[in-house]
Amino acid sequence: MTPATQSANQPVAMPDNDPAGLLGYARTELASGRVQNSLAALDRYVAADYAASDELFFLYGLAYEQDTPFRNIRLAHQNYKRLRDEYPRSQFRQQAIERIAWMERHFFGLR
């Protein structure tokens, strides 16, 4: 295994006390299918009391929507709605609106 291949398959260490680093780490881990690591980074971001961001809610929505033991459609829906309602100019807003509509069509009781 080459160093590039090895690093692509293994999670990178979670950054400490860096809001942008935590969001980047969460994004990377989510893209690699490591939802638990992604959620841990997002939880650390919230626990550190950094200012909320549209990307934070979007990543939480994506993470909770994945078909893993951590799946929670209600929390995914809530995070997408918060992004939609609190960040009208977000680059993630349209995607959140689409995910909300899809969830409300397929999961009764979310409306």
PDB file of N, CA and C in Angstrom:
ATOM      1  N   MET A   1       0.847  -1.165   0.000  1.00  0.00           N
ATOM      2  CA  MET A   1       0.000   0.000   0.000  1.00  0.00           C
ATOM      3  C   MET A   1       0.901   1.240   0.000  1.00  0.00           C
ATOM      4  N   THR A   2       0.621   2.163  -0.880  1.00  0.00           N
ATOM      5  CA  THR A   2       1.411   3.393  -0.942  1.00  0.00           C
ATOM      6  C   THR A   2       0.965   4.341   0.167  1.00  0.00           C
ATOM      7  N   PRO A   3       1.808   5.302   0.555  1.00  0.00           N
ATOM      8  CA  PRO A   3       1.392   6.259   1.584  1.00  0.00           C
ATOM      9  C   PRO A   3       0.116   7.012   1.205  1.00  0.00           C
ATOM     10  N   ALA A   4      -0.048   7.339  -0.073  1.00  0.00           N
ATOM     11  CA  ALA A   4      -1.257   8.055  -0.504  1.00  0.00           C
ATOM     12  C   ALA A   4      -2.491   7.180  -0.330  1.00  0.00           C
ATOM     13  N   THR A   5      -2.379   5.902  -0.688  1.00  0.00           N
ATOM     14  CA  THR A   5      -3.496   4.976  -0.537  1.00  0.00           C
ATOM     15  C   THR A   5      -3.802   4.751   0.934  1.00  0.00           C
ATOM     16  N   GLN A   6      -2.752   4.588   1.720  1.00  0.00           N
ATOM     17  CA  GLN A   6      -2.934   4.352   3.139  1.00  0.00           C
ATOM     18  C   GLN A   6      -3.641   5.530   3.801  1.00  0.00           C
ATOM     19  N   SER A   7      -3.217   6.737   3.498  1.00  0.00           N
ATOM     20  CA  SER A   7      -3.835   7.896   4.134  1.00  0.00           C
ATOM     21  C   SER A   7      -5.269   8.101   3.655  1.00  0.00           C
ATOM     22  N   ALA A   8      -5.583   7.676   2.443  1.00  0.00           N
ATOM     23  CA  ALA A   8      -6.946   7.823   1.930  1.00  0.00           C
ATOM     24  C   ALA A   8      -7.908   6.887   2.653  1.00  0.00           C
ATOM     25  N   ASN A   9      -7.403   5.747   3.138  1.00  0.00           N
ATOM     26  CA  ASN A   9      -8.253   4.762   3.782  1.00  0.00           C
ATOM     27  C   ASN A   9      -8.368   4.951   5.285  1.00  0.00           C
ATOM     28  N   GLN A  10      -7.458   5.704   5.886  1.00  0.00           N
ATOM     29  CA  GLN A  10      -7.460   5.875   7.324  1.00  0.00           C
ATOM     30  C   GLN A  10      -7.931   7.277   7.688  1.00  0.00           C
ATOM     31  N   PRO A  11      -8.699   7.374   8.767  1.00  0.00           N
ATOM     32  CA  PRO A  11      -9.146   8.704   9.175  1.00  0.00           C
ATOM     33  C   PRO A  11      -7.976   9.550   9.649  1.00  0.00           C
ATOM     34  N   VAL A  12      -8.079  10.827   9.399  1.00  0.00           N
ATOM     35  CA  VAL A  12      -7.087  11.789   9.844  1.00  0.00           C
ATOM     36  C   VAL A  12      -7.448  12.179  11.270  1.00  0.00           C
ATOM     37  N   ALA A  13      -6.460  12.572  12.064  1.00  0.00           N
ATOM     38  CA  ALA A  13      -6.733  12.987  13.439  1.00  0.00           C
ATOM     39  C   ALA A  13      -7.641  14.214  13.453  1.00  0.00           C
ATOM     40  N   MET A  14      -8.568  14.221  14.390  1.00  0.00           N
ATOM     41  CA  MET A  14      -9.496  15.342  14.510  1.00  0.00           C
ATOM     42  C   MET A  14      -8.742  16.562  15.041  1.00  0.00           C
ATOM     43  N   PRO A  15      -8.918  17.718  14.395  1.00  0.00           N
ATOM     44  CA  PRO A  15      -8.225  18.925  14.857  1.00  0.00           C
ATOM     45  C   PRO A  15      -8.793  19.415  16.190  1.00  0.00           C
ATOM     46  N   ASP A  16      -7.942  20.078  16.962  1.00  0.00           N
ATOM     47  CA  ASP A  16      -8.365  20.647  18.241  1.00  0.00           C
ATOM     48  C   ASP A  16      -8.578  22.143  18.102  1.00  0.00           C
ATOM     49  N   ASN A  17      -9.641  22.634  18.704  1.00  0.00           N
ATOM     50  CA  ASN A  17      -9.875  24.074  18.841  1.00  0.00           C
ATOM     51  C   ASN A  17      -9.727  24.869  17.555  1.00  0.00           C
ATOM     52  N   ASP A  18     -10.245  24.349  16.488  1.00  0.00           N
ATOM     53  CA  ASP A  18     -10.198  25.047  15.204  1.00  0.00           C
ATOM     54  C   ASP A  18     -11.548  24.852  14.521  1.00  0.00           C
ATOM     55  N   PRO A  19     -12.418  25.865  14.542  1.00  0.00           N
ATOM     56  CA  PRO A  19     -13.763  25.683  13.975  1.00  0.00           C
ATOM     57  C   PRO A  19     -13.754  25.260  12.515  1.00  0.00           C
ATOM     58  N   ALA A  20     -12.945  25.915  11.697  1.00  0.00           N
ATOM     59  CA  ALA A  20     -12.894  25.554  10.273  1.00  0.00           C
ATOM     60  C   ALA A  20     -12.327  24.151  10.100  1.00  0.00           C
ATOM     61  N   GLY A  21     -11.349  23.814  10.916  1.00  0.00           N
ATOM     62  CA  GLY A  21     -10.754  22.481  10.847  1.00  0.00           C
ATOM     63  C   GLY A  21     -11.740  21.393  11.230  1.00  0.00           C
ATOM     64  N   LEU A  22     -12.554  21.651  12.249  1.00  0.00           N
ATOM     65  CA  LEU A  22     -13.553  20.667  12.668  1.00  0.00           C
ATOM     66  C   LEU A  22     -14.610  20.456  11.593  1.00  0.00           C
ATOM     67  N   LEU A  23     -15.062  21.538  10.970  1.00  0.00           N
ATOM     68  CA  LEU A  23     -16.050  21.391   9.893  1.00  0.00           C
ATOM     69  C   LEU A  23     -15.436  20.672   8.696  1.00  0.00           C
ATOM     70  N   GLY A  24     -14.200  21.000   8.366  1.00  0.00           N
ATOM     71  CA  GLY A  24     -13.514  20.320   7.264  1.00  0.00           C
ATOM     72  C   GLY A  24     -13.329  18.843   7.548  1.00  0.00           C
ATOM     73  N   TYR A  25     -12.946  18.532   8.778  1.00  0.00           N
ATOM     74  CA  TYR A  25     -12.777  17.144   9.192  1.00  0.00           C
ATOM     75  C   TYR A  25     -14.111  16.403   9.098  1.00  0.00           C
ATOM     76  N   ALA A  26     -15.178  17.026   9.606  1.00  0.00           N
ATOM     77  CA  ALA A  26     -16.507  16.401   9.552  1.00  0.00           C
ATOM     78  C   ALA A  26     -16.918  16.143   8.112  1.00  0.00           C
ATOM     79  N   ARG A  27     -16.662  17.102   7.239  1.00  0.00           N
ATOM     80  CA  ARG A  27     -17.000  16.968   5.814  1.00  0.00           C
ATOM     81  C   ARG A  27     -16.231  15.802   5.190  1.00  0.00           C
ATOM     82  N   THR A  28     -14.931  15.718   5.475  1.00  0.00           N
ATOM     83  CA  THR A  28     -14.084  14.661   4.916  1.00  0.00           C
ATOM     84  C   THR A  28     -14.504  13.289   5.428  1.00  0.00           C
ATOM     85  N   GLU A  29     -14.747  13.194   6.724  1.00  0.00           N
ATOM     86  CA  GLU A  29     -15.149  11.915   7.302  1.00  0.00           C
ATOM     87  C   GLU A  29     -16.501  11.462   6.755  1.00  0.00           C
ATOM     88  N   LEU A  30     -17.414  12.389   6.593  1.00  0.00           N
ATOM     89  CA  LEU A  30     -18.725  12.057   6.037  1.00  0.00           C
ATOM     90  C   LEU A  30     -18.584  11.562   4.602  1.00  0.00           C
ATOM     91  N   ALA A  31     -17.755  12.228   3.817  1.00  0.00           N
ATOM     92  CA  ALA A  31     -17.533  11.817   2.426  1.00  0.00           C
ATOM     93  C   ALA A  31     -16.885  10.436   2.352  1.00  0.00           C
ATOM     94  N   SER A  32     -16.143  10.068   3.398  1.00  0.00           N
ATOM     95  CA  SER A  32     -15.486   8.759   3.441  1.00  0.00           C
ATOM     96  C   SER A  32     -16.371   7.688   4.070  1.00  0.00           C
ATOM     97  N   GLY A  33     -17.587   8.060   4.455  1.00  0.00           N
ATOM     98  CA  GLY A  33     -18.512   7.091   5.027  1.00  0.00           C
ATOM     99  C   GLY A  33     -18.317   6.847   6.512  1.00  0.00           C
ATOM    100  N   ARG A  34     -17.501   7.659   7.161  1.00  0.00           N
ATOM    101  CA  ARG A  34     -17.256   7.499   8.593  1.00  0.00           C
ATOM    102  C   ARG A  34     -18.158   8.485   9.356  1.00  0.00           C
ATOM    103  N   VAL A  35     -19.428   8.128   9.415  1.00  0.00           N
ATOM    104  CA  VAL A  35     -20.453   9.004   9.981  1.00  0.00           C
ATOM    105  C   VAL A  35     -20.205   9.261  11.463  1.00  0.00           C
ATOM    106  N   GLN A  36     -19.802   8.256  12.205  1.00  0.00           N
ATOM    107  CA  GLN A  36     -19.564   8.437  13.636  1.00  0.00           C
ATOM    108  C   GLN A  36     -18.481   9.489  13.879  1.00  0.00           C
ATOM    109  N   ASN A  37     -17.389   9.444  13.118  1.00  0.00           N
ATOM    110  CA  ASN A  37     -16.325  10.439  13.261  1.00  0.00           C
ATOM    111  C   ASN A  37     -16.825  11.823  12.879  1.00  0.00           C
ATOM    112  N   SER A  38     -17.633  11.888  11.839  1.00  0.00           N
ATOM    113  CA  SER A  38     -18.191  13.165  11.406  1.00  0.00           C
ATOM    114  C   SER A  38     -19.072  13.765  12.498  1.00  0.00           C
ATOM    115  N   LEU A  39     -19.956  12.951  13.061  1.00  0.00           N
ATOM    116  CA  LEU A  39     -20.830  13.431  14.133  1.00  0.00           C
ATOM    117  C   LEU A  39     -20.025  13.850  15.362  1.00  0.00           C
ATOM    118  N   ALA A  40     -18.955  13.120  15.667  1.00  0.00           N
ATOM    119  CA  ALA A  40     -18.109  13.485  16.811  1.00  0.00           C
ATOM    120  C   ALA A  40     -17.477  14.854  16.597  1.00  0.00           C
ATOM    121  N   ALA A  41     -17.024  15.128  15.388  1.00  0.00           N
ATOM    122  CA  ALA A  41     -16.428  16.437  15.086  1.00  0.00           C
ATOM    123  C   ALA A  41     -17.475  17.540  15.188  1.00  0.00           C
ATOM    124  N   LEU A  42     -18.668  17.286  14.678  1.00  0.00           N
ATOM    125  CA  LEU A  42     -19.738  18.285  14.758  1.00  0.00           C
ATOM    126  C   LEU A  42     -20.144  18.528  16.211  1.00  0.00           C
ATOM    127  N   ASP A  43     -20.215  17.459  16.993  1.00  0.00           N
ATOM    128  CA  ASP A  43     -20.543  17.604  18.413  1.00  0.00           C
ATOM    129  C   ASP A  43     -19.457  18.391  19.147  1.00  0.00           C
ATOM    130  N   ARG A  44     -18.197  18.151  18.795  1.00  0.00           N
ATOM    131  CA  ARG A  44     -17.095  18.896  19.412  1.00  0.00           C
ATOM    132  C   ARG A  44     -17.198  20.376  19.052  1.00  0.00           C
ATOM    133  N   TYR A  45     -17.561  20.661  17.819  1.00  0.00           N
ATOM    134  CA  TYR A  45     -17.749  22.051  17.371  1.00  0.00           C
ATOM    135  C   TYR A  45     -18.808  22.741  18.234  1.00  0.00           C
ATOM    136  N   VAL A  46     -19.931  22.067  18.442  1.00  0.00           N
ATOM    137  CA  VAL A  46     -21.020  22.630  19.246  1.00  0.00           C
ATOM    138  C   VAL A  46     -20.582  22.775  20.704  1.00  0.00           C
ATOM    139  N   ALA A  47     -19.915  21.757  21.251  1.00  0.00           N
ATOM    140  CA  ALA A  47     -19.478  21.787  22.647  1.00  0.00           C
ATOM    141  C   ALA A  47     -18.475  22.909  22.906  1.00  0.00           C
ATOM    142  N   ALA A  48     -17.679  23.244  21.903  1.00  0.00           N
ATOM    143  CA  ALA A  48     -16.687  24.316  22.049  1.00  0.00           C
ATOM    144  C   ALA A  48     -17.341  25.690  21.991  1.00  0.00           C
ATOM    145  N   ASP A  49     -18.642  25.718  21.732  1.00  0.00           N
ATOM    146  CA  ASP A  49     -19.418  26.960  21.705  1.00  0.00           C
ATOM    147  C   ASP A  49     -18.967  27.919  20.608  1.00  0.00           C
ATOM    148  N   TYR A  50     -18.560  27.353  19.473  1.00  0.00           N
ATOM    149  CA  TYR A  50     -18.262  28.191  18.313  1.00  0.00           C
ATOM    150  C   TYR A  50     -19.578  28.696  17.745  1.00  0.00           C
ATOM    151  N   ALA A  51     -19.527  29.784  17.034  1.00  0.00           N
ATOM    152  CA  ALA A  51     -20.735  30.328  16.408  1.00  0.00           C
ATOM    153  C   ALA A  51     -21.324  29.288  15.456  1.00  0.00           C
ATOM    154  N   ALA A  52     -22.638  29.154  15.498  1.00  0.00           N
ATOM    155  CA  ALA A  52     -23.313  28.215  14.595  1.00  0.00           C
ATOM    156  C   ALA A  52     -23.088  28.660  13.153  1.00  0.00           C
ATOM    157  N   SER A  53     -23.131  27.704  12.257  1.00  0.00           N
ATOM    158  CA  SER A  53     -22.954  28.033  10.843  1.00  0.00           C
ATOM    159  C   SER A  53     -23.908  27.206  10.001  1.00  0.00           C
ATOM    160  N   ASP A  54     -24.171  27.698   8.811  1.00  0.00           N
ATOM    161  CA  ASP A  54     -25.047  26.966   7.911  1.00  0.00           C
ATOM    162  C   ASP A  54     -24.464  25.604   7.568  1.00  0.00           C
ATOM    163  N   GLU A  55     -23.160  25.549   7.388  1.00  0.00           N
ATOM    164  CA  GLU A  55     -22.533  24.275   7.045  1.00  0.00           C
ATOM    165  C   GLU A  55     -22.672  23.269   8.184  1.00  0.00           C
ATOM    166  N   LEU A  56     -22.615  23.731   9.419  1.00  0.00           N
ATOM    167  CA  LEU A  56     -22.794  22.850  10.572  1.00  0.00           C
ATOM    168  C   LEU A  56     -24.135  22.122  10.476  1.00  0.00           C
ATOM    169  N   PHE A  57     -25.215  22.873  10.251  1.00  0.00           N
ATOM    170  CA  PHE A  57     -26.539  22.261  10.176  1.00  0.00           C
ATOM    171  C   PHE A  57     -26.679  21.372   8.944  1.00  0.00           C
ATOM    172  N   PHE A  58     -26.062  21.767   7.845  1.00  0.00           N
ATOM    173  CA  PHE A  58     -26.122  20.956   6.636  1.00  0.00           C
ATOM    174  C   PHE A  58     -25.409  19.620   6.851  1.00  0.00           C
ATOM    175  N   LEU A  59     -24.221  19.662   7.451  1.00  0.00           N
ATOM    176  CA  LEU A  59     -23.473  18.430   7.692  1.00  0.00           C
ATOM    177  C   LEU A  59     -24.184  17.530   8.695  1.00  0.00           C
ATOM    178  N   TYR A  60     -24.773  18.124   9.733  1.00  0.00           N
ATOM    179  CA  TYR A  60     -25.576  17.316  10.661  1.00  0.00           C
ATOM    180  C   TYR A  60     -26.718  16.636   9.901  1.00  0.00           C
ATOM    181  N   GLY A  61     -27.404  17.377   9.052  1.00  0.00           N
ATOM    182  CA  GLY A  61     -28.497  16.794   8.278  1.00  0.00           C
ATOM    183  C   GLY A  61     -28.031  15.628   7.426  1.00  0.00           C
ATOM    184  N   LEU A  62     -26.938  15.833   6.710  1.00  0.00           N
ATOM    185  CA  LEU A  62     -26.399  14.763   5.868  1.00  0.00           C
ATOM    186  C   LEU A  62     -25.995  13.548   6.696  1.00  0.00           C
ATOM    187  N   ALA A  63     -25.321  13.794   7.810  1.00  0.00           N
ATOM    188  CA  ALA A  63     -24.835  12.688   8.639  1.00  0.00           C
ATOM    189  C   ALA A  63     -25.997  11.870   9.201  1.00  0.00           C
ATOM    190  N   TYR A  64     -27.007  12.546   9.722  1.00  0.00           N
ATOM    191  CA  TYR A  64     -28.145  11.832  10.300  1.00  0.00           C
ATOM    192  C   TYR A  64     -29.013  11.152   9.245  1.00  0.00           C
ATOM    193  N   GLU A  65     -28.864  11.542   8.011  1.00  0.00           N
ATOM    194  CA  GLU A  65     -29.656  10.938   6.937  1.00  0.00           C
ATOM    195  C   GLU A  65     -29.026   9.649   6.398  1.00  0.00           C
ATOM    196  N   GLN A  66     -27.753   9.426   6.659  1.00  0.00           N
ATOM    197  CA  GLN A  66     -27.059   8.262   6.119  1.00  0.00           C
ATOM    198  C   GLN A  66     -27.620   6.968   6.696  1.00  0.00           C
ATOM    199  N   ASP A  67     -27.574   5.916   5.903  1.00  0.00           N
ATOM    200  CA  ASP A  67     -28.083   4.612   6.321  1.00  0.00           C
ATOM    201  C   ASP A  67     -27.024   3.908   7.171  1.00  0.00           C
ATOM    202  N   THR A  68     -26.927   4.331   8.418  1.00  0.00           N
ATOM    203  CA  THR A  68     -25.975   3.773   9.381  1.00  0.00           C
ATOM    204  C   THR A  68     -26.710   3.595  10.707  1.00  0.00           C
ATOM    205  N   PRO A  69     -26.057   3.017  11.708  1.00  0.00           N
ATOM    206  CA  PRO A  69     -26.702   2.922  13.022  1.00  0.00           C
ATOM    207  C   PRO A  69     -27.017   4.292  13.642  1.00  0.00           C
ATOM    208  N   PHE A  70     -26.419   5.348  13.122  1.00  0.00           N
ATOM    209  CA  PHE A  70     -26.628   6.697  13.656  1.00  0.00           C
ATOM    210  C   PHE A  70     -27.763   7.436  12.946  1.00  0.00           C
ATOM    211  N   ARG A  71     -28.432   6.755  12.038  1.00  0.00           N
ATOM    212  CA  ARG A  71     -29.490   7.393  11.252  1.00  0.00           C
ATOM    213  C   ARG A  71     -30.611   7.887  12.158  1.00  0.00           C
ATOM    214  N   ASN A  72     -31.012   9.132  11.914  1.00  0.00           N
ATOM    215  CA  ASN A  72     -32.114   9.723  12.666  1.00  0.00           C
ATOM    216  C   ASN A  72     -32.768  10.746  11.742  1.00  0.00           C
ATOM    217  N   ILE A  73     -33.775  10.314  11.032  1.00  0.00           N
ATOM    218  CA  ILE A  73     -34.418  11.159  10.026  1.00  0.00           C
ATOM    219  C   ILE A  73     -35.025  12.408  10.657  1.00  0.00           C
ATOM    220  N   ARG A  74     -35.567  12.283  11.844  1.00  0.00           N
ATOM    221  CA  ARG A  74     -36.156  13.454  12.506  1.00  0.00           C
ATOM    222  C   ARG A  74     -35.086  14.517  12.774  1.00  0.00           C
ATOM    223  N   LEU A  75     -33.902  14.117  13.251  1.00  0.00           N
ATOM    224  CA  LEU A  75     -32.825  15.086  13.487  1.00  0.00           C
ATOM    225  C   LEU A  75     -32.291  15.653  12.176  1.00  0.00           C
ATOM    226  N   ALA A  76     -32.210  14.825  11.151  1.00  0.00           N
ATOM    227  CA  ALA A  76     -31.778  15.328   9.837  1.00  0.00           C
ATOM    228  C   ALA A  76     -32.750  16.400   9.366  1.00  0.00           C
ATOM    229  N   HIS A  77     -34.030  16.108   9.455  1.00  0.00           N
ATOM    230  CA  HIS A  77     -35.083  17.038   9.045  1.00  0.00           C
ATOM    231  C   HIS A  77     -34.999  18.340   9.839  1.00  0.00           C
ATOM    232  N   GLN A  78     -34.816  18.240  11.162  1.00  0.00           N
ATOM    233  CA  GLN A  78     -34.723  19.436  12.011  1.00  0.00           C
ATOM    234  C   GLN A  78     -33.529  20.306  11.634  1.00  0.00           C
ATOM    235  N   ASN A  79     -32.393  19.672  11.355  1.00  0.00           N
ATOM    236  CA  ASN A  79     -31.203  20.442  10.993  1.00  0.00           C
ATOM    237  C   ASN A  79     -31.364  21.119   9.641  1.00  0.00           C
ATOM    238  N   TYR A  80     -31.953  20.422   8.685  1.00  0.00           N
ATOM    239  CA  TYR A  80     -32.207  21.047   7.381  1.00  0.00           C
ATOM    240  C   TYR A  80     -33.183  22.223   7.526  1.00  0.00           C
ATOM    241  N   LYS A  81     -34.218  22.055   8.350  1.00  0.00           N
ATOM    242  CA  LYS A  81     -35.184  23.141   8.546  1.00  0.00           C
ATOM    243  C   LYS A  81     -34.535  24.343   9.222  1.00  0.00           C
ATOM    244  N   ARG A  82     -33.672  24.081  10.167  1.00  0.00           N
ATOM    245  CA  ARG A  82     -32.991  25.195  10.837  1.00  0.00           C
ATOM    246  C   ARG A  82     -32.117  25.959   9.855  1.00  0.00           C
ATOM    247  N   LEU A  83     -31.405  25.231   9.000  1.00  0.00           N
ATOM    248  CA  LEU A  83     -30.597  25.877   7.968  1.00  0.00           C
ATOM    249  C   LEU A  83     -31.492  26.723   7.066  1.00  0.00           C
ATOM    250  N   ARG A  84     -32.582  26.140   6.600  1.00  0.00           N
ATOM    251  CA  ARG A  84     -33.503  26.853   5.705  1.00  0.00           C
ATOM    252  C   ARG A  84     -34.049  28.124   6.347  1.00  0.00           C
ATOM    253  N   ASP A  85     -34.425  28.027   7.607  1.00  0.00           N
ATOM    254  CA  ASP A  85     -35.082  29.145   8.280  1.00  0.00           C
ATOM    255  C   ASP A  85     -34.117  30.227   8.760  1.00  0.00           C
ATOM    256  N   GLU A  86     -32.929  29.832   9.185  1.00  0.00           N
ATOM    257  CA  GLU A  86     -32.006  30.789   9.795  1.00  0.00           C
ATOM    258  C   GLU A  86     -30.938  31.322   8.848  1.00  0.00           C
ATOM    259  N   TYR A  87     -30.764  30.678   7.706  1.00  0.00           N
ATOM    260  CA  TYR A  87     -29.709  31.084   6.773  1.00  0.00           C
ATOM    261  C   TYR A  87     -30.280  31.216   5.360  1.00  0.00           C
ATOM    262  N   PRO A  88     -31.091  32.243   5.120  1.00  0.00           N
ATOM    263  CA  PRO A  88     -31.752  32.378   3.814  1.00  0.00           C
ATOM    264  C   PRO A  88     -30.789  32.580   2.643  1.00  0.00           C
ATOM    265  N   ARG A  89     -29.570  32.985   2.897  1.00  0.00           N
ATOM    266  CA  ARG A  89     -28.605  33.206   1.809  1.00  0.00           C
ATOM    267  C   ARG A  89     -27.537  32.122   1.739  1.00  0.00           C
ATOM    268  N   SER A  90     -27.751  31.041   2.424  1.00  0.00           N
ATOM    269  CA  SER A  90     -26.766  29.962   2.466  1.00  0.00           C
ATOM    270  C   SER A  90     -26.618  29.281   1.109  1.00  0.00           C
ATOM    271  N   GLN A  91     -25.401  28.895   0.814  1.00  0.00           N
ATOM    272  CA  GLN A  91     -25.152  28.118  -0.398  1.00  0.00           C
ATOM    273  C   GLN A  91     -25.753  26.715  -0.293  1.00  0.00           C
ATOM    274  N   PHE A  92     -26.085  26.281   0.923  1.00  0.00           N
ATOM    275  CA  PHE A  92     -26.652  24.952   1.148  1.00  0.00           C
ATOM    276  C   PHE A  92     -28.178  24.973   1.231  1.00  0.00           C
ATOM    277  N   ARG A  93     -28.773  26.157   1.188  1.00  0.00           N
ATOM    278  CA  ARG A  93     -30.210  26.301   1.426  1.00  0.00           C
ATOM    279  C   ARG A  93     -31.060  25.509   0.430  1.00  0.00           C
ATOM    280  N   GLN A  94     -30.766  25.611  -0.844  1.00  0.00           N
ATOM    281  CA  GLN A  94     -31.585  24.914  -1.841  1.00  0.00           C
ATOM    282  C   GLN A  94     -31.515  23.403  -1.650  1.00  0.00           C
ATOM    283  N   GLN A  95     -30.327  22.888  -1.363  1.00  0.00           N
ATOM    284  CA  GLN A  95     -30.194  21.453  -1.109  1.00  0.00           C
ATOM    285  C   GLN A  95     -31.005  21.059   0.129  1.00  0.00           C
ATOM    286  N   ALA A  96     -30.968  21.892   1.165  1.00  0.00           N
ATOM    287  CA  ALA A  96     -31.733  21.605   2.379  1.00  0.00           C
ATOM    288  C   ALA A  96     -33.227  21.588   2.075  1.00  0.00           C
ATOM    289  N   ILE A  97     -33.694  22.551   1.295  1.00  0.00           N
ATOM    290  CA  ILE A  97     -35.114  22.607   0.916  1.00  0.00           C
ATOM    291  C   ILE A  97     -35.512  21.337   0.165  1.00  0.00           C
ATOM    292  N   GLU A  98     -34.665  20.887  -0.734  1.00  0.00           N
ATOM    293  CA  GLU A  98     -34.951  19.666  -1.496  1.00  0.00           C
ATOM    294  C   GLU A  98     -34.977  18.442  -0.592  1.00  0.00           C
ATOM    295  N   ARG A  99     -34.057  18.362   0.377  1.00  0.00           N
ATOM    296  CA  ARG A  99     -34.023  17.224   1.291  1.00  0.00           C
ATOM    297  C   ARG A  99     -35.268  17.233   2.189  1.00  0.00           C
ATOM    298  N   ILE A 100     -35.663  18.426   2.659  1.00  0.00           N
ATOM    299  CA  ILE A 100     -36.868  18.546   3.492  1.00  0.00           C
ATOM    300  C   ILE A 100     -38.085  18.038   2.721  1.00  0.00           C
ATOM    301  N   ALA A 101     -38.238  18.489   1.491  1.00  0.00           N
ATOM    302  CA  ALA A 101     -39.386  18.077   0.671  1.00  0.00           C
ATOM    303  C   ALA A 101     -39.382  16.569   0.456  1.00  0.00           C
ATOM    304  N   TRP A 102     -38.221  15.997   0.162  1.00  0.00           N
ATOM    305  CA  TRP A 102     -38.123  14.556  -0.052  1.00  0.00           C
ATOM    306  C   TRP A 102     -38.507  13.800   1.219  1.00  0.00           C
ATOM    307  N   MET A 103     -37.971  14.245   2.343  1.00  0.00           N
ATOM    308  CA  MET A 103     -38.270  13.565   3.612  1.00  0.00           C
ATOM    309  C   MET A 103     -39.752  13.642   3.950  1.00  0.00           C
ATOM    310  N   GLU A 104     -40.346  14.798   3.731  1.00  0.00           N
ATOM    311  CA  GLU A 104     -41.761  14.949   4.058  1.00  0.00           C
ATOM    312  C   GLU A 104     -42.657  14.116   3.146  1.00  0.00           C
ATOM    313  N   ARG A 105     -42.194  13.814   1.948  1.00  0.00           N
ATOM    314  CA  ARG A 105     -42.951  12.928   1.054  1.00  0.00           C
ATOM    315  C   ARG A 105     -42.803  11.467   1.465  1.00  0.00           C
ATOM    316  N   HIS A 106     -41.654  11.096   2.001  1.00  0.00           N
ATOM    317  CA  HIS A 106     -41.364   9.690   2.256  1.00  0.00           C
ATOM    318  C   HIS A 106     -41.455   9.255   3.718  1.00  0.00           C
ATOM    319  N   PHE A 107     -41.439  10.187   4.634  1.00  0.00           N
ATOM    320  CA  PHE A 107     -41.502   9.848   6.056  1.00  0.00           C
ATOM    321  C   PHE A 107     -42.664  10.605   6.688  1.00  0.00           C
ATOM    322  N   PHE A 108     -43.749   9.901   6.914  1.00  0.00           N
ATOM    323  CA  PHE A 108     -44.938  10.524   7.489  1.00  0.00           C
ATOM    324  C   PHE A 108     -44.644  10.954   8.920  1.00  0.00           C
ATOM    325  N   GLY A 109     -45.265  12.019   9.340  1.00  0.00           N
ATOM    326  CA  GLY A 109     -45.089  12.500  10.702  1.00  0.00           C
ATOM    327  C   GLY A 109     -44.012  13.554  10.853  1.00  0.00           C
ATOM    328  N   LEU A 110     -43.349  13.931   9.777  1.00  0.00           N
ATOM    329  CA  LEU A 110     -42.309  14.952   9.874  1.00  0.00           C
ATOM    330  C   LEU A 110     -42.862  16.359   9.713  1.00  0.00           C
ATOM    331  N   ARG A 111     -44.018  16.493   9.123  1.00  0.00           N
ATOM    332  CA  ARG A 111     -44.558  17.832   8.847  1.00  0.00           C
ATOM    333  C   ARG A 111     -44.981  18.519  10.064  1.00  0.00           C
TER     334      ARG A 111
END
